[in-house]
Protein backbone atom coordinates (compact mmCIF):
# COMPACT_ATOMS: atom_id res chain seq x y z
CA MET A 1 0.00 0.00 0.00
CA ARG A 2 1.48 3.27 -1.08
CA THR A 3 0.95 6.40 0.96
CA THR A 4 1.61 9.86 -0.28
CA ALA A 5 2.60 12.85 1.72
CA PRO A 6 -0.15 15.39 2.18
CA GLN A 7 -0.01 18.08 -0.42
CA THR A 8 0.41 21.59 0.77
CA HIS A 9 -1.32 24.36 -1.05
CA LEU A 10 0.14 27.83 -0.98
CA ASP A 11 -2.52 30.46 -1.17
CA VAL A 12 -1.04 33.22 -3.30
CA ARG A 13 -4.08 35.42 -3.36
CA PRO A 14 -3.48 38.87 -1.88
CA THR A 15 -4.47 39.27 1.73
CA GLN A 16 -7.03 41.83 2.75
CA THR A 17 -4.32 44.23 3.90
CA ASP A 18 -2.59 43.97 0.50
CA GLU A 19 -5.85 44.78 -1.26
CA GLN A 20 -6.42 47.79 0.98
CA ARG A 21 -2.90 49.12 0.43
CA HIS A 22 -3.02 51.92 -2.11
CA LEU A 23 -0.29 54.21 -3.32
CA ILE A 24 -0.89 57.89 -2.72
CA ASP A 25 -0.01 60.90 -4.85
CA VAL A 26 1.72 64.20 -4.10
CA PRO A 27 -1.42 66.19 -3.13
CA THR A 28 -2.61 63.42 -0.81
CA LEU A 29 0.76 63.14 0.92
CA ALA A 30 1.04 66.91 1.26
CA GLN A 31 -2.38 67.06 2.90
CA ARG A 32 -1.58 64.09 5.13
CA LEU A 33 1.65 65.71 6.37
CA GLY A 34 0.25 69.24 6.50
CA VAL A 35 2.80 70.68 4.06
CA THR A 36 2.70 72.12 0.55
CA GLN A 37 2.85 70.07 -2.61
CA ARG A 38 5.91 72.06 -3.58
CA PHE A 39 7.69 70.88 -0.42
CA ILE A 40 6.83 67.23 -1.20
CA ARG A 41 8.20 67.64 -4.73
CA ARG A 42 11.38 69.14 -3.31
CA LEU A 43 11.77 66.17 -0.95
CA THR A 44 11.44 63.77 -3.88
CA SER A 45 13.87 65.71 -6.08
CA GLU A 46 16.43 65.57 -3.25
CA ASP A 47 15.68 61.86 -2.56
CA ARG A 48 14.79 62.71 1.03
CA VAL A 49 11.50 60.78 1.10
CA PRO A 50 10.73 57.22 -0.11
CA PHE A 51 8.79 57.28 -3.37
CA LEU A 52 8.07 55.31 -6.53
CA LYS A 53 8.36 56.71 -10.01
CA ILE A 54 5.84 55.09 -12.33
CA GLY A 55 6.44 56.61 -15.73
CA LYS A 56 6.05 60.32 -15.15
CA PHE A 57 4.00 59.82 -11.98
CA ILE A 58 5.32 60.04 -8.43
CA ARG A 59 3.59 57.81 -5.91
CA PHE A 60 4.15 56.99 -2.25
CA ASP A 61 3.54 53.81 -0.28
CA PRO A 62 1.74 54.82 2.94
CA LEU A 63 3.60 52.14 4.93
CA ASP A 64 6.97 53.51 3.74
CA ILE A 65 5.86 57.03 4.63
CA ASP A 66 4.75 55.93 8.11
CA ARG A 67 8.17 54.31 8.72
CA TRP A 68 9.93 57.39 7.33
CA VAL A 69 7.98 59.67 9.68
CA ASP A 70 8.63 57.37 12.66
CA GLU A 71 12.38 57.40 11.94
CA ARG A 72 12.37 61.19 12.13
CA LYS A 73 10.52 61.54 15.43
CA ARG A 74 12.53 63.26 18.10
CA SER A 75 12.11 62.97 21.81
CA PRO A 76 11.50 66.21 23.65
CA SER A 77 14.54 67.74 25.30
CA PRO A 78 14.58 67.86 29.08
CA PRO A 79 13.74 71.31 30.44
CA PRO A 80 16.75 73.49 31.27
CA ARG A 81 17.71 73.64 34.94
């Protein structure tokens, strides 16, 4: 009697979080960060913010932006004595 190992099936469908993950554009990021679109464009031209270039379009991954913002957080300085 021959037995076979159970077959494993890898589900390669996107998860719900992948489906909900959308790239955002310059105006959306500017509004989200409370800055001007011009400032966002300057950050991209100086490679100071993570972005994707899709043809002539600039897009941002919200997860990359969240990490980028978190990396730049500063702790408050202790009050002077």
